[in-house]
């Protein structure tokens, strides 16, 4: 055993009352605490999109946290699909609305 966990990169689409409730700031804070890399942004359809990269267990922990979100959010759905690690970048940042 080499002691390193496999890296997993996932794109999330989070739907519900997730804009105007501090979701992006919460996501950045939570991701940084967990040691994840990636980014978060609002979508023009009212959803939040997030790309997260880290070891499998930590990515799963973030997905579960996203199902709850910050206190003012009302998350209805979190869809996760595999993504390309090349899109991740350094740290965890907020991107412009797309």
PDB file of N, CA and C in Angstrom:
ATOM      1  N   UNK A   1       0.839  -1.174   0.000  1.00  0.00           N
ATOM      2  CA  UNK A   1       0.000   0.000   0.000  1.00  0.00           C
ATOM      3  C   UNK A   1       0.889   1.244   0.000  1.00  0.00           C
ATOM      4  N   UNK A   2       0.585   2.214  -0.874  1.00  0.00           N
ATOM      5  CA  UNK A   2       1.455   3.371  -1.004  1.00  0.00           C
ATOM      6  C   UNK A   2       1.038   4.550  -0.131  1.00  0.00           C
ATOM      7  N   UNK A   3      -0.086   4.473   0.560  1.00  0.00           N
ATOM      8  CA  UNK A   3      -0.492   5.518   1.471  1.00  0.00           C
ATOM      9  C   UNK A   3      -1.215   6.680   0.833  1.00  0.00           C
ATOM     10  N   UNK A   4      -1.311   6.708  -0.488  1.00  0.00           N
ATOM     11  CA  UNK A   4      -2.032   7.814  -1.125  1.00  0.00           C
ATOM     12  C   UNK A   4      -3.384   7.329  -1.624  1.00  0.00           C
ATOM     13  N   UNK A   5      -4.374   8.205  -1.518  1.00  0.00           N
ATOM     14  CA  UNK A   5      -5.721   7.875  -1.969  1.00  0.00           C
ATOM     15  C   UNK A   5      -5.877   8.302  -3.415  1.00  0.00           C
ATOM     16  N   UNK A   6      -6.738   7.609  -4.160  1.00  0.00           N
ATOM     17  CA  UNK A   6      -6.973   8.027  -5.539  1.00  0.00           C
ATOM     18  C   UNK A   6      -7.633   9.406  -5.573  1.00  0.00           C
ATOM     19  N   UNK A   7      -7.272  10.184  -6.570  1.00  0.00           N
ATOM     20  CA  UNK A   7      -7.854  11.519  -6.742  1.00  0.00           C
ATOM     21  C   UNK A   7      -9.121  11.396  -7.576  1.00  0.00           C
ATOM     22  N   UNK A   8     -10.147  12.110  -7.147  1.00  0.00           N
ATOM     23  CA  UNK A   8     -11.427  12.099  -7.848  1.00  0.00           C
ATOM     24  C   UNK A   8     -11.799  13.541  -8.179  1.00  0.00           C
ATOM     25  N   UNK A   9     -12.253  13.765  -9.405  1.00  0.00           N
ATOM     26  CA  UNK A   9     -12.703  15.089  -9.836  1.00  0.00           C
ATOM     27  C   UNK A   9     -14.147  14.965 -10.293  1.00  0.00           C
ATOM     28  N   UNK A  10     -15.001  15.836  -9.740  1.00  0.00           N
ATOM     29  CA  UNK A  10     -16.438  15.748  -9.990  1.00  0.00           C
ATOM     30  C   UNK A  10     -17.002  17.137 -10.262  1.00  0.00           C
ATOM     31  N   UNK A  11     -17.922  17.207 -11.220  1.00  0.00           N
ATOM     32  CA  UNK A  11     -18.678  18.436 -11.488  1.00  0.00           C
ATOM     33  C   UNK A  11     -20.058  18.270 -10.857  1.00  0.00           C
ATOM     34  N   UNK A  12     -20.438  19.252 -10.035  1.00  0.00           N
ATOM     35  CA  UNK A  12     -21.734  19.216  -9.356  1.00  0.00           C
ATOM     36  C   UNK A  12     -22.670  20.262  -9.936  1.00  0.00           C
ATOM     37  N   UNK A  13     -23.930  19.906 -10.059  1.00  0.00           N
ATOM     38  CA  UNK A  13     -24.996  20.851 -10.382  1.00  0.00           C
ATOM     39  C   UNK A  13     -25.938  20.830  -9.184  1.00  0.00           C
ATOM     40  N   UNK A  14     -26.058  21.973  -8.513  1.00  0.00           N
ATOM     41  CA  UNK A  14     -26.843  22.064  -7.283  1.00  0.00           C
ATOM     42  C   UNK A  14     -28.053  22.940  -7.566  1.00  0.00           C
ATOM     43  N   UNK A  15     -29.238  22.364  -7.343  1.00  0.00           N
ATOM     44  CA  UNK A  15     -30.477  23.077  -7.659  1.00  0.00           C
ATOM     45  C   UNK A  15     -31.334  23.245  -6.418  1.00  0.00           C
ATOM     46  N   UNK A  16     -32.177  24.256  -6.462  1.00  0.00           N
ATOM     47  CA  UNK A  16     -33.054  24.600  -5.351  1.00  0.00           C
ATOM     48  C   UNK A  16     -32.911  26.089  -5.082  1.00  0.00           C
ATOM     49  N   UNK A  17     -33.113  26.498  -3.841  1.00  0.00           N
ATOM     50  CA  UNK A  17     -32.877  27.903  -3.479  1.00  0.00           C
ATOM     51  C   UNK A  17     -31.417  27.995  -3.066  1.00  0.00           C
ATOM     52  N   UNK A  18     -30.553  28.212  -4.072  1.00  0.00           N
ATOM     53  CA  UNK A  18     -29.111  28.165  -3.840  1.00  0.00           C
ATOM     54  C   UNK A  18     -28.392  29.435  -4.295  1.00  0.00           C
ATOM     55  N   UNK A  19     -29.119  30.410  -4.819  1.00  0.00           N
ATOM     56  CA  UNK A  19     -28.515  31.696  -5.161  1.00  0.00           C
ATOM     57  C   UNK A  19     -29.092  32.756  -4.239  1.00  0.00           C
ATOM     58  N   UNK A  20     -28.253  33.713  -3.852  1.00  0.00           N
ATOM     59  CA  UNK A  20     -28.684  34.774  -2.954  1.00  0.00           C
ATOM     60  C   UNK A  20     -28.753  34.338  -1.502  1.00  0.00           C
ATOM     61  N   UNK A  21     -28.143  33.198  -1.184  1.00  0.00           N
ATOM     62  CA  UNK A  21     -28.181  32.662   0.192  1.00  0.00           C
ATOM     63  C   UNK A  21     -26.773  32.381   0.733  1.00  0.00           C
ATOM     64  N   UNK A  22     -25.745  32.878   0.037  1.00  0.00           N
ATOM     65  CA  UNK A  22     -24.369  32.675   0.489  1.00  0.00           C
ATOM     66  C   UNK A  22     -23.801  31.312   0.142  1.00  0.00           C
ATOM     67  N   UNK A  23     -24.393  30.637  -0.835  1.00  0.00           N
ATOM     68  CA  UNK A  23     -23.949  29.278  -1.161  1.00  0.00           C
ATOM     69  C   UNK A  23     -22.501  29.250  -1.645  1.00  0.00           C
ATOM     70  N   UNK A  24     -22.129  30.187  -2.526  1.00  0.00           N
ATOM     71  CA  UNK A  24     -20.752  30.167  -3.063  1.00  0.00           C
ATOM     72  C   UNK A  24     -19.725  30.411  -1.965  1.00  0.00           C
ATOM     73  N   UNK A  25     -19.966  31.398  -1.116  1.00  0.00           N
ATOM     74  CA  UNK A  25     -19.027  31.658  -0.013  1.00  0.00           C
ATOM     75  C   UNK A  25     -18.929  30.454   0.915  1.00  0.00           C
ATOM     76  N   UNK A  26     -20.072  29.850   1.218  1.00  0.00           N
ATOM     77  CA  UNK A  26     -20.095  28.646   2.056  1.00  0.00           C
ATOM     78  C   UNK A  26     -19.306  27.523   1.384  1.00  0.00           C
ATOM     79  N   UNK A  27     -19.502  27.355   0.069  1.00  0.00           N
ATOM     80  CA  UNK A  27     -18.815  26.286  -0.669  1.00  0.00           C
ATOM     81  C   UNK A  27     -17.299  26.483  -0.638  1.00  0.00           C
ATOM     82  N   UNK A  28     -16.848  27.715  -0.827  1.00  0.00           N
ATOM     83  CA  UNK A  28     -15.414  27.998  -0.812  1.00  0.00           C
ATOM     84  C   UNK A  28     -14.848  27.687   0.570  1.00  0.00           C
ATOM     85  N   UNK A  29     -15.503  28.172   1.612  1.00  0.00           N
ATOM     86  CA  UNK A  29     -15.042  27.932   2.979  1.00  0.00           C
ATOM     87  C   UNK A  29     -14.993  26.440   3.301  1.00  0.00           C
ATOM     88  N   UNK A  30     -16.047  25.718   2.943  1.00  0.00           N
ATOM     89  CA  UNK A  30     -16.128  24.285   3.223  1.00  0.00           C
ATOM     90  C   UNK A  30     -15.061  23.514   2.445  1.00  0.00           C
ATOM     91  N   UNK A  31     -14.911  23.832   1.159  1.00  0.00           N
ATOM     92  CA  UNK A  31     -13.926  23.141   0.321  1.00  0.00           C
ATOM     93  C   UNK A  31     -12.503  23.374   0.837  1.00  0.00           C
ATOM     94  N   UNK A  32     -12.201  24.613   1.238  1.00  0.00           N
ATOM     95  CA  UNK A  32     -10.862  24.908   1.745  1.00  0.00           C
ATOM     96  C   UNK A  32     -10.599  24.175   3.058  1.00  0.00           C
ATOM     97  N   UNK A  33     -11.606  24.105   3.929  1.00  0.00           N
ATOM     98  CA  UNK A  33     -11.445  23.358   5.186  1.00  0.00           C
ATOM     99  C   UNK A  33     -11.158  21.883   4.919  1.00  0.00           C
ATOM    100  N   UNK A  34     -11.776  21.343   3.875  1.00  0.00           N
ATOM    101  CA  UNK A  34     -11.589  19.934   3.523  1.00  0.00           C
ATOM    102  C   UNK A  34     -10.312  19.696   2.709  1.00  0.00           C
ATOM    103  N   UNK A  35      -9.683  20.774   2.237  1.00  0.00           N
ATOM    104  CA  UNK A  35      -8.463  20.636   1.447  1.00  0.00           C
ATOM    105  C   UNK A  35      -8.717  20.294  -0.012  1.00  0.00           C
ATOM    106  N   UNK A  36      -9.889  20.645  -0.520  1.00  0.00           N
ATOM    107  CA  UNK A  36     -10.224  20.365  -1.916  1.00  0.00           C
ATOM    108  C   UNK A  36      -9.745  21.488  -2.827  1.00  0.00           C
ATOM    109  N   UNK A  37      -9.553  21.152  -4.088  1.00  0.00           N
ATOM    110  CA  UNK A  37      -9.273  22.143  -5.130  1.00  0.00           C
ATOM    111  C   UNK A  37     -10.493  22.225  -6.032  1.00  0.00           C
ATOM    112  N   UNK A  38     -10.625  23.355  -6.730  1.00  0.00           N
ATOM    113  CA  UNK A  38     -11.719  23.489  -7.685  1.00  0.00           C
ATOM    114  C   UNK A  38     -12.270  24.887  -7.740  1.00  0.00           C
ATOM    115  N   UNK A  39     -13.547  25.000  -8.114  1.00  0.00           N
ATOM    116  CA  UNK A  39     -14.191  26.301  -8.234  1.00  0.00           C
ATOM    117  C   UNK A  39     -15.707  26.158  -8.106  1.00  0.00           C
ATOM    118  N   UNK A  40     -16.366  27.313  -7.927  1.00  0.00           N
ATOM    119  CA  UNK A  40     -17.815  27.360  -7.810  1.00  0.00           C
ATOM    120  C   UNK A  40     -18.315  28.601  -8.553  1.00  0.00           C
ATOM    121  N   UNK A  41     -19.504  28.510  -9.151  1.00  0.00           N
ATOM    122  CA  UNK A  41     -20.106  29.669  -9.812  1.00  0.00           C
ATOM    123  C   UNK A  41     -21.615  29.506  -9.890  1.00  0.00           C
ATOM    124  N   UNK A  42     -22.295  30.641  -9.973  1.00  0.00           N
ATOM    125  CA  UNK A  42     -23.726  30.626 -10.246  1.00  0.00           C
ATOM    126  C   UNK A  42     -23.939  30.351 -11.720  1.00  0.00           C
ATOM    127  N   UNK A  43     -25.088  29.769 -12.039  1.00  0.00           N
ATOM    128  CA  UNK A  43     -25.507  29.566 -13.428  1.00  0.00           C
ATOM    129  C   UNK A  43     -26.728  30.447 -13.679  1.00  0.00           C
ATOM    130  N   UNK A  44     -26.893  30.861 -14.914  1.00  0.00           N
ATOM    131  CA  UNK A  44     -28.011  31.748 -15.239  1.00  0.00           C
ATOM    132  C   UNK A  44     -29.364  31.068 -15.045  1.00  0.00           C
ATOM    133  N   UNK A  45     -29.391  29.737 -14.953  1.00  0.00           N
ATOM    134  CA  UNK A  45     -30.658  29.020 -14.734  1.00  0.00           C
ATOM    135  C   UNK A  45     -31.052  28.957 -13.252  1.00  0.00           C
ATOM    136  N   UNK A  46     -30.255  29.617 -12.380  1.00  0.00           N
ATOM    137  CA  UNK A  46     -30.570  29.637 -10.956  1.00  0.00           C
ATOM    138  C   UNK A  46     -29.872  28.565 -10.142  1.00  0.00           C
ATOM    139  N   UNK A  47     -29.115  27.700 -10.805  1.00  0.00           N
ATOM    140  CA  UNK A  47     -28.388  26.653 -10.090  1.00  0.00           C
ATOM    141  C   UNK A  47     -26.985  27.135  -9.735  1.00  0.00           C
ATOM    142  N   UNK A  48     -26.266  26.324  -8.979  1.00  0.00           N
ATOM    143  CA  UNK A  48     -24.856  26.555  -8.675  1.00  0.00           C
ATOM    144  C   UNK A  48     -24.073  25.394  -9.267  1.00  0.00           C
ATOM    145  N   UNK A  49     -22.987  25.704  -9.942  1.00  0.00           N
ATOM    146  CA  UNK A  49     -22.106  24.685 -10.519  1.00  0.00           C
ATOM    147  C   UNK A  49     -20.801  24.682  -9.744  1.00  0.00           C
ATOM    148  N   UNK A  50     -20.286  23.500  -9.489  1.00  0.00           N
ATOM    149  CA  UNK A  50     -19.057  23.375  -8.719  1.00  0.00           C
ATOM    150  C   UNK A  50     -18.204  22.267  -9.317  1.00  0.00           C
ATOM    151  N   UNK A  51     -16.899  22.491  -9.331  1.00  0.00           N
ATOM    152  CA  UNK A  51     -15.946  21.464  -9.724  1.00  0.00           C
ATOM    153  C   UNK A  51     -15.065  21.221  -8.515  1.00  0.00           C
ATOM    154  N   UNK A  52     -15.010  19.978  -8.054  1.00  0.00           N
ATOM    155  CA  UNK A  52     -14.219  19.661  -6.871  1.00  0.00           C
ATOM    156  C   UNK A  52     -13.254  18.517  -7.181  1.00  0.00           C
ATOM    157  N   UNK A  53     -12.059  18.614  -6.573  1.00  0.00           N
ATOM    158  CA  UNK A  53     -11.032  17.613  -6.803  1.00  0.00           C
ATOM    159  C   UNK A  53     -10.320  17.324  -5.490  1.00  0.00           C
ATOM    160  N   UNK A  54     -10.178  16.050  -5.176  1.00  0.00           N
ATOM    161  CA  UNK A  54      -9.481  15.628  -3.971  1.00  0.00           C
ATOM    162  C   UNK A  54      -9.557  14.123  -3.842  1.00  0.00           C
ATOM    163  N   UNK A  55      -9.159  13.604  -2.688  1.00  0.00           N
ATOM    164  CA  UNK A  55      -9.258  12.155  -2.516  1.00  0.00           C
ATOM    165  C   UNK A  55     -10.742  11.768  -2.441  1.00  0.00           C
ATOM    166  N   UNK A  56     -11.027  10.536  -2.769  1.00  0.00           N
ATOM    167  CA  UNK A  56     -12.408  10.074  -2.914  1.00  0.00           C
ATOM    168  C   UNK A  56     -13.261  10.336  -1.682  1.00  0.00           C
ATOM    169  N   UNK A  57     -12.750  10.029  -0.502  1.00  0.00           N
ATOM    170  CA  UNK A  57     -13.538  10.204   0.724  1.00  0.00           C
ATOM    171  C   UNK A  57     -13.870  11.676   0.965  1.00  0.00           C
ATOM    172  N   UNK A  58     -12.918  12.564   0.688  1.00  0.00           N
ATOM    173  CA  UNK A  58     -13.147  13.994   0.904  1.00  0.00           C
ATOM    174  C   UNK A  58     -14.137  14.551  -0.106  1.00  0.00           C
ATOM    175  N   UNK A  59     -14.036  14.109  -1.354  1.00  0.00           N
ATOM    176  CA  UNK A  59     -15.003  14.529  -2.377  1.00  0.00           C
ATOM    177  C   UNK A  59     -16.405  14.079  -1.968  1.00  0.00           C
ATOM    178  N   UNK A  60     -16.532  12.850  -1.487  1.00  0.00           N
ATOM    179  CA  UNK A  60     -17.846  12.358  -1.032  1.00  0.00           C
ATOM    180  C   UNK A  60     -18.377  13.195   0.134  1.00  0.00           C
ATOM    181  N   UNK A  61     -17.484  13.585   1.050  1.00  0.00           N
ATOM    182  CA  UNK A  61     -17.885  14.423   2.185  1.00  0.00           C
ATOM    183  C   UNK A  61     -18.411  15.775   1.692  1.00  0.00           C
ATOM    184  N   UNK A  62     -17.769  16.346   0.677  1.00  0.00           N
ATOM    185  CA  UNK A  62     -18.215  17.636   0.131  1.00  0.00           C
ATOM    186  C   UNK A  62     -19.558  17.495  -0.563  1.00  0.00           C
ATOM    187  N   UNK A  63     -19.740  16.410  -1.308  1.00  0.00           N
ATOM    188  CA  UNK A  63     -21.027  16.186  -1.979  1.00  0.00           C
ATOM    189  C   UNK A  63     -22.141  16.112  -0.938  1.00  0.00           C
ATOM    190  N   UNK A  64     -21.901  15.380   0.142  1.00  0.00           N
ATOM    191  CA  UNK A  64     -22.907  15.279   1.213  1.00  0.00           C
ATOM    192  C   UNK A  64     -23.167  16.644   1.848  1.00  0.00           C
ATOM    193  N   UNK A  65     -22.119  17.424   2.085  1.00  0.00           N
ATOM    194  CA  UNK A  65     -22.285  18.769   2.649  1.00  0.00           C
ATOM    195  C   UNK A  65     -23.100  19.647   1.703  1.00  0.00           C
ATOM    196  N   UNK A  66     -22.884  19.495   0.401  1.00  0.00           N
ATOM    197  CA  UNK A  66     -23.610  20.299  -0.597  1.00  0.00           C
ATOM    198  C   UNK A  66     -25.103  19.982  -0.599  1.00  0.00           C
ATOM    199  N   UNK A  67     -25.476  18.789  -0.181  1.00  0.00           N
ATOM    200  CA  UNK A  67     -26.897  18.430  -0.106  1.00  0.00           C
ATOM    201  C   UNK A  67     -27.611  19.251   0.972  1.00  0.00           C
ATOM    202  N   UNK A  68     -26.851  19.737   1.959  1.00  0.00           N
ATOM    203  CA  UNK A  68     -27.410  20.598   3.011  1.00  0.00           C
ATOM    204  C   UNK A  68     -27.174  22.064   2.684  1.00  0.00           C
ATOM    205  N   UNK A  69     -25.932  22.420   2.346  1.00  0.00           N
ATOM    206  CA  UNK A  69     -25.585  23.792   2.022  1.00  0.00           C
ATOM    207  C   UNK A  69     -25.622  24.696   3.246  1.00  0.00           C
ATOM    208  N   UNK A  70     -25.529  26.017   3.026  1.00  0.00           N
ATOM    209  CA  UNK A  70     -25.595  26.964   4.136  1.00  0.00           C
ATOM    210  C   UNK A  70     -27.017  27.024   4.694  1.00  0.00           C
ATOM    211  N   UNK A  71     -27.157  27.642   5.865  1.00  0.00           N
ATOM    212  CA  UNK A  71     -28.440  27.616   6.580  1.00  0.00           C
ATOM    213  C   UNK A  71     -29.614  28.202   5.795  1.00  0.00           C
ATOM    214  N   UNK A  72     -29.387  29.205   4.953  1.00  0.00           N
ATOM    215  CA  UNK A  72     -30.492  29.829   4.218  1.00  0.00           C
ATOM    216  C   UNK A  72     -30.854  29.108   2.921  1.00  0.00           C
ATOM    217  N   UNK A  73     -30.032  28.163   2.517  1.00  0.00           N
ATOM    218  CA  UNK A  73     -30.288  27.432   1.267  1.00  0.00           C
ATOM    219  C   UNK A  73     -31.358  26.371   1.468  1.00  0.00           C
ATOM    220  N   UNK A  74     -32.018  26.037   0.373  1.00  0.00           N
ATOM    221  CA  UNK A  74     -32.951  24.920   0.344  1.00  0.00           C
ATOM    222  C   UNK A  74     -32.586  24.074  -0.874  1.00  0.00           C
ATOM    223  N   UNK A  75     -31.710  23.099  -0.661  1.00  0.00           N
ATOM    224  CA  UNK A  75     -31.188  22.286  -1.761  1.00  0.00           C
ATOM    225  C   UNK A  75     -32.210  21.217  -2.120  1.00  0.00           C
ATOM    226  N   UNK A  76     -32.568  21.173  -3.400  1.00  0.00           N
ATOM    227  CA  UNK A  76     -33.513  20.165  -3.893  1.00  0.00           C
ATOM    228  C   UNK A  76     -32.798  18.995  -4.559  1.00  0.00           C
ATOM    229  N   UNK A  77     -31.662  19.291  -5.211  1.00  0.00           N
ATOM    230  CA  UNK A  77     -31.005  18.250  -6.002  1.00  0.00           C
ATOM    231  C   UNK A  77     -29.516  18.557  -6.140  1.00  0.00           C
ATOM    232  N   UNK A  78     -28.697  17.523  -6.039  1.00  0.00           N
ATOM    233  CA  UNK A  78     -27.266  17.622  -6.321  1.00  0.00           C
ATOM    234  C   UNK A  78     -26.921  16.509  -7.297  1.00  0.00           C
ATOM    235  N   UNK A  79     -26.580  16.901  -8.518  1.00  0.00           N
ATOM    236  CA  UNK A  79     -26.142  15.933  -9.524  1.00  0.00           C
ATOM    237  C   UNK A  79     -24.629  15.976  -9.598  1.00  0.00           C
ATOM    238  N   UNK A  80     -24.002  14.801  -9.628  1.00  0.00           N
ATOM    239  CA  UNK A  80     -22.549  14.711  -9.713  1.00  0.00           C
ATOM    240  C   UNK A  80     -22.171  13.881 -10.927  1.00  0.00           C
ATOM    241  N   UNK A  81     -21.189  14.375 -11.681  1.00  0.00           N
ATOM    242  CA  UNK A  81     -20.677  13.599 -12.813  1.00  0.00           C
ATOM    243  C   UNK A  81     -19.167  13.737 -12.854  1.00  0.00           C
ATOM    244  N   UNK A  82     -18.472  12.706 -13.336  1.00  0.00           N
ATOM    245  CA  UNK A  82     -17.010  12.772 -13.418  1.00  0.00           C
ATOM    246  C   UNK A  82     -16.574  13.955 -14.282  1.00  0.00           C
ATOM    247  N   UNK A  83     -15.442  14.544 -13.945  1.00  0.00           N
ATOM    248  CA  UNK A  83     -14.915  15.690 -14.695  1.00  0.00           C
ATOM    249  C   UNK A  83     -13.417  15.518 -14.900  1.00  0.00           C
ATOM    250  N   UNK A  84     -12.859  16.377 -15.739  1.00  0.00           N
ATOM    251  CA  UNK A  84     -11.445  16.336 -16.084  1.00  0.00           C
ATOM    252  C   UNK A  84     -10.641  17.148 -15.075  1.00  0.00           C
ATOM    253  N   UNK A  85      -9.642  16.536 -14.486  1.00  0.00           N
ATOM    254  CA  UNK A  85      -8.801  17.208 -13.495  1.00  0.00           C
ATOM    255  C   UNK A  85      -8.102  18.431 -14.095  1.00  0.00           C
ATOM    256  N   UNK A  86      -7.931  18.476 -15.407  1.00  0.00           N
ATOM    257  CA  UNK A  86      -7.267  19.606 -16.061  1.00  0.00           C
ATOM    258  C   UNK A  86      -8.048  20.912 -15.883  1.00  0.00           C
ATOM    259  N   UNK A  87      -9.341  20.828 -15.600  1.00  0.00           N
ATOM    260  CA  UNK A  87     -10.182  22.019 -15.428  1.00  0.00           C
ATOM    261  C   UNK A  87     -10.079  22.624 -14.021  1.00  0.00           C
ATOM    262  N   UNK A  88      -9.407  21.951 -13.104  1.00  0.00           N
ATOM    263  CA  UNK A  88      -9.471  22.311 -11.690  1.00  0.00           C
ATOM    264  C   UNK A  88      -8.727  23.590 -11.337  1.00  0.00           C
ATOM    265  N   UNK A  89      -7.468  23.717 -11.699  1.00  0.00           N
ATOM    266  CA  UNK A  89      -6.673  24.875 -11.309  1.00  0.00           C
ATOM    267  C   UNK A  89      -6.134  24.727  -9.890  1.00  0.00           C
ATOM    268  N   UNK A  90      -5.630  25.831  -9.332  1.00  0.00           N
ATOM    269  CA  UNK A  90      -5.047  25.816  -7.991  1.00  0.00           C
ATOM    270  C   UNK A  90      -6.047  26.374  -6.984  1.00  0.00           C
ATOM    271  N   UNK A  91      -6.014  25.863  -5.773  1.00  0.00           N
ATOM    272  CA  UNK A  91      -6.888  26.373  -4.709  1.00  0.00           C
ATOM    273  C   UNK A  91      -8.353  26.111  -4.991  1.00  0.00           C
ATOM    274  N   UNK A  92      -9.207  26.932  -4.376  1.00  0.00           N
ATOM    275  CA  UNK A  92     -10.647  26.821  -4.600  1.00  0.00           C
ATOM    276  C   UNK A  92     -11.168  28.234  -4.783  1.00  0.00           C
ATOM    277  N   UNK A  93     -11.718  28.536  -5.955  1.00  0.00           N
ATOM    278  CA  UNK A  93     -12.053  29.902  -6.317  1.00  0.00           C
ATOM    279  C   UNK A  93     -13.505  30.048  -6.753  1.00  0.00           C
ATOM    280  N   UNK A  94     -13.915  31.297  -6.822  1.00  0.00           N
ATOM    281  CA  UNK A  94     -15.239  31.622  -7.364  1.00  0.00           C
ATOM    282  C   UNK A  94     -15.040  32.099  -8.793  1.00  0.00           C
ATOM    283  N   UNK A  95     -15.859  31.579  -9.688  1.00  0.00           N
ATOM    284  CA  UNK A  95     -15.802  31.993 -11.092  1.00  0.00           C
ATOM    285  C   UNK A  95     -17.026  32.830 -11.425  1.00  0.00           C
ATOM    286  N   UNK A  96     -16.941  33.610 -12.522  1.00  0.00           N
ATOM    287  CA  UNK A  96     -18.101  34.416 -12.921  1.00  0.00           C
ATOM    288  C   UNK A  96     -19.291  33.541 -13.310  1.00  0.00           C
ATOM    289  N   UNK A  97     -20.483  34.099 -13.171  1.00  0.00           N
ATOM    290  CA  UNK A  97     -21.712  33.409 -13.576  1.00  0.00           C
ATOM    291  C   UNK A  97     -21.629  33.001 -15.039  1.00  0.00           C
ATOM    292  N   UNK A  98     -22.126  31.813 -15.340  1.00  0.00           N
ATOM    293  CA  UNK A  98     -22.121  31.301 -16.713  1.00  0.00           C
ATOM    294  C   UNK A  98     -23.526  30.909 -17.129  1.00  0.00           C
TER     295      UNK A  98
END
